[in-house]
Every structure is written in C-alpha cells, then in structure tokens.
Amino acid sequence: MHETFAKESVGKKVNSLFRLCMIHLRNEMKKMGVGAGDYPFLAFLFFKEGQSQDELSKRMRVDKSYTARALAKLEKLGMIERRPDLNEHRVKRVFLSQKSRDMETPFFEMLKNWHNTLIKNIDPDDLAIVQSGMDQMIENAEDALGLEKINE
C-alpha cells in the first residue's frame, strides 16, 4: 500500500527532479566559477538588481542568515557588491559586478539548454498541463503553509 503511494508521490518526483537539476547546476556553475547554490541569487539579481538582502530572502524563501552567507561568498568572489540603502543605512542593497554581468548570457543559455533537455519529447499541450499543474501545486503549498504568494 505505502509502496504504491511512494512511487506515485508528487513530492518524490519533484525531489528527484530537484536533485538532478542540482547535479546539472553544480557542474555548469562550477565552470562559471560559482556554486550551484549561488544560481538563484544571481538569477534574481539579473532580473532585478538593487534588491535588499531581506527582499532576496523572502523571494527565495530562505532565512536571512543563509542569504547573508551566500551573498558574502558572492561578494568575496567578486560577483556582487552590497551597498547601504541611501535612505535606510541598516538596509543593504545588492548589485551585480561587471564579472557577473559578463556571464549573464552564458548563464541564461545554460538554463535554457537545461530547460530544453527537461522538456524534450513532451508534447506542447502536455507541457502546458504540467506547467499549470505545477503552478497549482505551488499555490496549494503556499496556502497550506500560510505563505505570502510570490509572483515571479
């Protein structure tokens, strides 16, 4: 009884896909000189620079100390700069360095290629259903956890 559920569990499948994606990211991000865990911070900053550390933590749904450690590492690697907010000096805003900007195109090409690998041989109509279902699962999880909805 439990065996069948375990094999069909959405959570198990999502976890397996996440782990496979992390293997890919670890290999590809290493070539770019950063770690797989740095990927979401860079992605969010490519889309919107100047976010505060707190904003990044909320958008990524990670705790503030994790964000501070990750950003310290990226700063040490010369990938980002943290600057005090002009109006609120306790707030630090995060900006990309030229080194990061130079890797933006290969970064997104790598992600697009991986996306294409994942969706290979999936009918476009089926893919639309999968994406819609995943969106609904995210919304269900946010509701169940009492979390604020984050529009990406």
C-alpha atoms as a PDB file:
ATOM      1  CA  MET A   1       0.000   0.000   0.000  1.00  0.00           C
ATOM      2  CA  HIS A   2       2.642   2.579   1.007  1.00  0.00           C
ATOM      3  CA  GLU A   3       4.939   1.359  -1.741  1.00  0.00           C
ATOM      4  CA  THR A   4       2.491   2.343  -4.480  1.00  0.00           C
ATOM      5  CA  PHE A   5       1.977   5.774  -2.964  1.00  0.00           C
ATOM      6  CA  ALA A   6       5.732   6.323  -2.628  1.00  0.00           C
ATOM      7  CA  LYS A   7       6.293   5.534  -6.302  1.00  0.00           C
ATOM      8  CA  GLU A   8       3.480   7.855  -7.421  1.00  0.00           C
ATOM      9  CA  SER A   9       4.137  10.642  -4.907  1.00  0.00           C
ATOM     10  CA  VAL A  10       4.449  14.071  -6.490  1.00  0.00           C
ATOM     11  CA  GLY A  11       6.816  15.031  -3.683  1.00  0.00           C
ATOM     12  CA  LYS A  12       9.144  12.157  -4.542  1.00  0.00           C
ATOM     13  CA  LYS A  13       9.137  13.075  -8.218  1.00  0.00           C
ATOM     14  CA  VAL A  14       9.720  16.771  -7.507  1.00  0.00           C
ATOM     15  CA  ASN A  15      12.552  15.864  -5.133  1.00  0.00           C
ATOM     16  CA  SER A  16      14.154  13.582  -7.736  1.00  0.00           C
ATOM     17  CA  LEU A  17      13.910  16.273 -10.399  1.00  0.00           C
ATOM     18  CA  PHE A  18      15.321  18.877  -7.993  1.00  0.00           C
ATOM     19  CA  ARG A  19      18.317  16.667  -7.188  1.00  0.00           C
ATOM     20  CA  LEU A  20      19.006  16.021 -10.874  1.00  0.00           C
ATOM     21  CA  CYS A  21      18.777  19.753 -11.576  1.00  0.00           C
ATOM     22  CA  MET A  22      21.237  20.434  -8.753  1.00  0.00           C
ATOM     23  CA  ILE A  23      23.721  17.945 -10.239  1.00  0.00           C
ATOM     24  CA  HIS A  24      23.468  19.778 -13.549  1.00  0.00           C
ATOM     25  CA  LEU A  25      23.767  23.189 -11.898  1.00  0.00           C
ATOM     26  CA  ARG A  26      26.727  22.092  -9.790  1.00  0.00           C
ATOM     27  CA  ASN A  27      28.594  21.014 -12.946  1.00  0.00           C
ATOM     28  CA  GLU A  28      27.682  24.065 -15.024  1.00  0.00           C
ATOM     29  CA  MET A  29      28.030  26.726 -12.336  1.00  0.00           C
ATOM     30  CA  LYS A  30      31.453  25.358 -11.424  1.00  0.00           C
ATOM     31  CA  LYS A  31      32.573  26.201 -14.978  1.00  0.00           C
ATOM     32  CA  MET A  32      31.420  29.778 -14.334  1.00  0.00           C
ATOM     33  CA  GLY A  33      33.325  29.957 -11.064  1.00  0.00           C
ATOM     34  CA  VAL A  34      30.366  29.840  -8.669  1.00  0.00           C
ATOM     35  CA  GLY A  35      28.444  27.190  -6.783  1.00  0.00           C
ATOM     36  CA  ALA A  36      25.062  25.684  -7.603  1.00  0.00           C
ATOM     37  CA  GLY A  37      23.532  27.366  -4.548  1.00  0.00           C
ATOM     38  CA  ASP A  38      24.535  30.755  -5.951  1.00  0.00           C
ATOM     39  CA  TYR A  39      22.359  30.286  -9.030  1.00  0.00           C
ATOM     40  CA  PRO A  40      19.073  31.599  -7.601  1.00  0.00           C
ATOM     41  CA  PHE A  41      20.699  34.710  -6.127  1.00  0.00           C
ATOM     42  CA  LEU A  42      22.307  35.568  -9.455  1.00  0.00           C
ATOM     43  CA  ALA A  43      19.090  34.824 -11.360  1.00  0.00           C
ATOM     44  CA  PHE A  44      17.014  37.101  -9.125  1.00  0.00           C
ATOM     45  CA  LEU A  45      19.628  39.840  -9.430  1.00  0.00           C
ATOM     46  CA  PHE A  46      19.810  39.527 -13.216  1.00  0.00           C
ATOM     47  CA  PHE A  47      16.070  40.216 -13.257  1.00  0.00           C
ATOM     48  CA  LYS A  48      16.100  42.973 -10.640  1.00  0.00           C
ATOM     49  CA  GLU A  49      19.271  44.490  -9.272  1.00  0.00           C
ATOM     50  CA  GLY A  50      19.302  46.573  -6.120  1.00  0.00           C
ATOM     51  CA  GLN A  51      17.099  44.296  -4.057  1.00  0.00           C
ATOM     52  CA  SER A  52      17.746  44.258  -0.354  1.00  0.00           C
ATOM     53  CA  GLN A  53      19.057  41.149   1.376  1.00  0.00           C
ATOM     54  CA  ASP A  54      15.670  40.818   3.081  1.00  0.00           C
ATOM     55  CA  GLU A  55      13.829  41.022  -0.241  1.00  0.00           C
ATOM     56  CA  LEU A  56      16.058  38.296  -1.673  1.00  0.00           C
ATOM     57  CA  SER A  57      15.431  36.092   1.377  1.00  0.00           C
ATOM     58  CA  LYS A  58      11.667  36.487   1.026  1.00  0.00           C
ATOM     59  CA  ARG A  59      11.618  35.864  -2.728  1.00  0.00           C
ATOM     60  CA  MET A  60      13.765  32.757  -2.369  1.00  0.00           C
ATOM     61  CA  ARG A  61      12.015  31.579   0.809  1.00  0.00           C
ATOM     62  CA  VAL A  62      15.282  31.151   2.702  1.00  0.00           C
ATOM     63  CA  ASP A  63      16.311  32.526   6.069  1.00  0.00           C
ATOM     64  CA  LYS A  64      18.242  35.768   6.376  1.00  0.00           C
ATOM     65  CA  SER A  65      21.412  34.124   7.662  1.00  0.00           C
ATOM     66  CA  TYR A  66      21.563  31.821   4.606  1.00  0.00           C
ATOM     67  CA  THR A  67      21.199  34.863   2.345  1.00  0.00           C
ATOM     68  CA  ALA A  68      23.897  36.776   4.226  1.00  0.00           C
ATOM     69  CA  ARG A  69      26.337  33.843   3.943  1.00  0.00           C
ATOM     70  CA  ALA A  70      25.599  33.300   0.239  1.00  0.00           C
ATOM     71  CA  LEU A  71      25.986  36.986  -0.557  1.00  0.00           C
ATOM     72  CA  ALA A  72      29.218  37.189   1.447  1.00  0.00           C
ATOM     73  CA  LYS A  73      30.572  34.333  -0.674  1.00  0.00           C
ATOM     74  CA  LEU A  74      29.455  36.002  -3.922  1.00  0.00           C
ATOM     75  CA  GLU A  75      30.975  39.278  -2.755  1.00  0.00           C
ATOM     76  CA  LYS A  76      34.274  37.543  -1.987  1.00  0.00           C
ATOM     77  CA  LEU A  77      34.209  36.024  -5.493  1.00  0.00           C
ATOM     78  CA  GLY A  78      33.725  39.494  -6.961  1.00  0.00           C
ATOM     79  CA  MET A  79      30.254  38.664  -8.313  1.00  0.00           C
ATOM     80  CA  ILE A  80      28.221  41.213  -6.352  1.00  0.00           C
ATOM     81  CA  GLU A  81      28.520  44.413  -4.369  1.00  0.00           C
ATOM     82  CA  ARG A  82      26.473  45.182  -1.264  1.00  0.00           C
ATOM     83  CA  ARG A  83      25.816  48.849  -0.638  1.00  0.00           C
ATOM     84  CA  PRO A  84      23.873  50.622   2.103  1.00  0.00           C
ATOM     85  CA  ASP A  85      20.459  51.926   1.073  1.00  0.00           C
ATOM     86  CA  LEU A  86      20.592  55.682   0.579  1.00  0.00           C
ATOM     87  CA  ASN A  87      17.531  56.239   2.796  1.00  0.00           C
ATOM     88  CA  GLU A  88      17.923  53.450   5.357  1.00  0.00           C
ATOM     89  CA  HIS A  89      21.580  52.719   6.187  1.00  0.00           C
ATOM     90  CA  ARG A  90      20.769  49.462   8.001  1.00  0.00           C
ATOM     91  CA  VAL A  91      19.420  48.033   4.719  1.00  0.00           C
ATOM     92  CA  LYS A  92      21.950  46.648   2.271  1.00  0.00           C
ATOM     93  CA  ARG A  93      21.150  46.659  -1.453  1.00  0.00           C
ATOM     94  CA  VAL A  94      22.719  44.046  -3.706  1.00  0.00           C
ATOM     95  CA  PHE A  95      24.155  44.846  -7.130  1.00  0.00           C
ATOM     96  CA  LEU A  96      25.877  42.728  -9.755  1.00  0.00           C
ATOM     97  CA  SER A  97      29.529  43.312 -10.555  1.00  0.00           C
ATOM     98  CA  GLN A  98      30.836  43.533 -14.100  1.00  0.00           C
ATOM     99  CA  LYS A  99      32.125  39.976 -13.646  1.00  0.00           C
ATOM    100  CA  SER A 100      28.529  38.789 -13.149  1.00  0.00           C
ATOM    101  CA  ARG A 101      27.178  40.890 -15.981  1.00  0.00           C
ATOM    102  CA  ASP A 102      29.747  39.304 -18.289  1.00  0.00           C
ATOM    103  CA  MET A 103      28.371  35.850 -17.508  1.00  0.00           C
ATOM    104  CA  GLU A 104      24.677  36.744 -17.914  1.00  0.00           C
ATOM    105  CA  THR A 105      24.344  35.446 -21.492  1.00  0.00           C
ATOM    106  CA  PRO A 106      26.108  32.102 -20.881  1.00  0.00           C
ATOM    107  CA  PHE A 107      24.182  31.760 -17.603  1.00  0.00           C
ATOM    108  CA  PHE A 108      20.796  32.037 -19.302  1.00  0.00           C
ATOM    109  CA  GLU A 109      21.901  29.956 -22.287  1.00  0.00           C
ATOM    110  CA  MET A 110      22.855  27.180 -19.872  1.00  0.00           C
ATOM    111  CA  LEU A 111      19.443  27.413 -18.164  1.00  0.00           C
ATOM    112  CA  LYS A 112      17.599  27.451 -21.476  1.00  0.00           C
ATOM    113  CA  ASN A 113      19.531  24.409 -22.720  1.00  0.00           C
ATOM    114  CA  TRP A 114      18.703  22.546 -19.493  1.00  0.00           C
ATOM    115  CA  HIS A 115      15.049  23.550 -19.807  1.00  0.00           C
ATOM    116  CA  ASN A 116      15.033  22.181 -23.363  1.00  0.00           C
ATOM    117  CA  THR A 117      16.623  18.955 -22.129  1.00  0.00           C
ATOM    118  CA  LEU A 118      13.920  18.556 -19.484  1.00  0.00           C
ATOM    119  CA  ILE A 119      11.013  19.158 -21.850  1.00  0.00           C
ATOM    120  CA  LYS A 120      12.401  17.112 -24.743  1.00  0.00           C
ATOM    121  CA  ASN A 121       9.800  14.685 -26.140  1.00  0.00           C
ATOM    122  CA  ILE A 122       6.939  16.277 -24.207  1.00  0.00           C
ATOM    123  CA  ASP A 123       4.025  17.344 -26.385  1.00  0.00           C
ATOM    124  CA  PRO A 124       3.448  21.130 -26.082  1.00  0.00           C
ATOM    125  CA  ASP A 125      -0.165  20.547 -24.987  1.00  0.00           C
ATOM    126  CA  ASP A 126       1.016  18.140 -22.295  1.00  0.00           C
ATOM    127  CA  LEU A 127       3.710  20.594 -21.219  1.00  0.00           C
ATOM    128  CA  ALA A 128       1.088  23.310 -20.730  1.00  0.00           C
ATOM    129  CA  ILE A 129      -0.842  20.912 -18.460  1.00  0.00           C
ATOM    130  CA  VAL A 130       2.297  20.028 -16.491  1.00  0.00           C
ATOM    131  CA  GLN A 131       3.175  23.704 -16.001  1.00  0.00           C
ATOM    132  CA  SER A 132      -0.374  24.580 -14.970  1.00  0.00           C
ATOM    133  CA  GLY A 133      -0.426  21.654 -12.538  1.00  0.00           C
ATOM    134  CA  MET A 134       2.884  22.712 -11.019  1.00  0.00           C
ATOM    135  CA  ASP A 135       1.616  26.284 -10.619  1.00  0.00           C
ATOM    136  CA  GLN A 136      -1.435  24.924  -8.803  1.00  0.00           C
ATOM    137  CA  MET A 137       0.730  22.741  -6.544  1.00  0.00           C
ATOM    138  CA  ILE A 138       2.844  25.771  -5.632  1.00  0.00           C
ATOM    139  CA  GLU A 139      -0.298  27.739  -4.816  1.00  0.00           C
ATOM    140  CA  ASN A 140      -1.642  24.830  -2.742  1.00  0.00           C
ATOM    141  CA  ALA A 141       1.634  24.591  -0.818  1.00  0.00           C
ATOM    142  CA  GLU A 142       1.690  28.352  -0.175  1.00  0.00           C
ATOM    143  CA  ASP A 143      -1.888  28.192   1.115  1.00  0.00           C
ATOM    144  CA  ALA A 144      -1.205  25.171   3.312  1.00  0.00           C
ATOM    145  CA  LEU A 145       1.899  26.829   4.783  1.00  0.00           C
ATOM    146  CA  GLY A 146       0.244  30.220   5.180  1.00  0.00           C
ATOM    147  CA  LEU A 147       2.877  31.872   2.984  1.00  0.00           C
ATOM    148  CA  GLU A 148       2.546  35.045   1.008  1.00  0.00           C
ATOM    149  CA  LYS A 149       2.241  34.445  -2.733  1.00  0.00           C
ATOM    150  CA  ILE A 150       5.319  35.431  -4.672  1.00  0.00           C
ATOM    151  CA  ASN A 151       4.798  36.483  -8.264  1.00  0.00           C
ATOM    152  CA  GLU A 152       7.843  35.626 -10.317  1.00  0.00           C
END
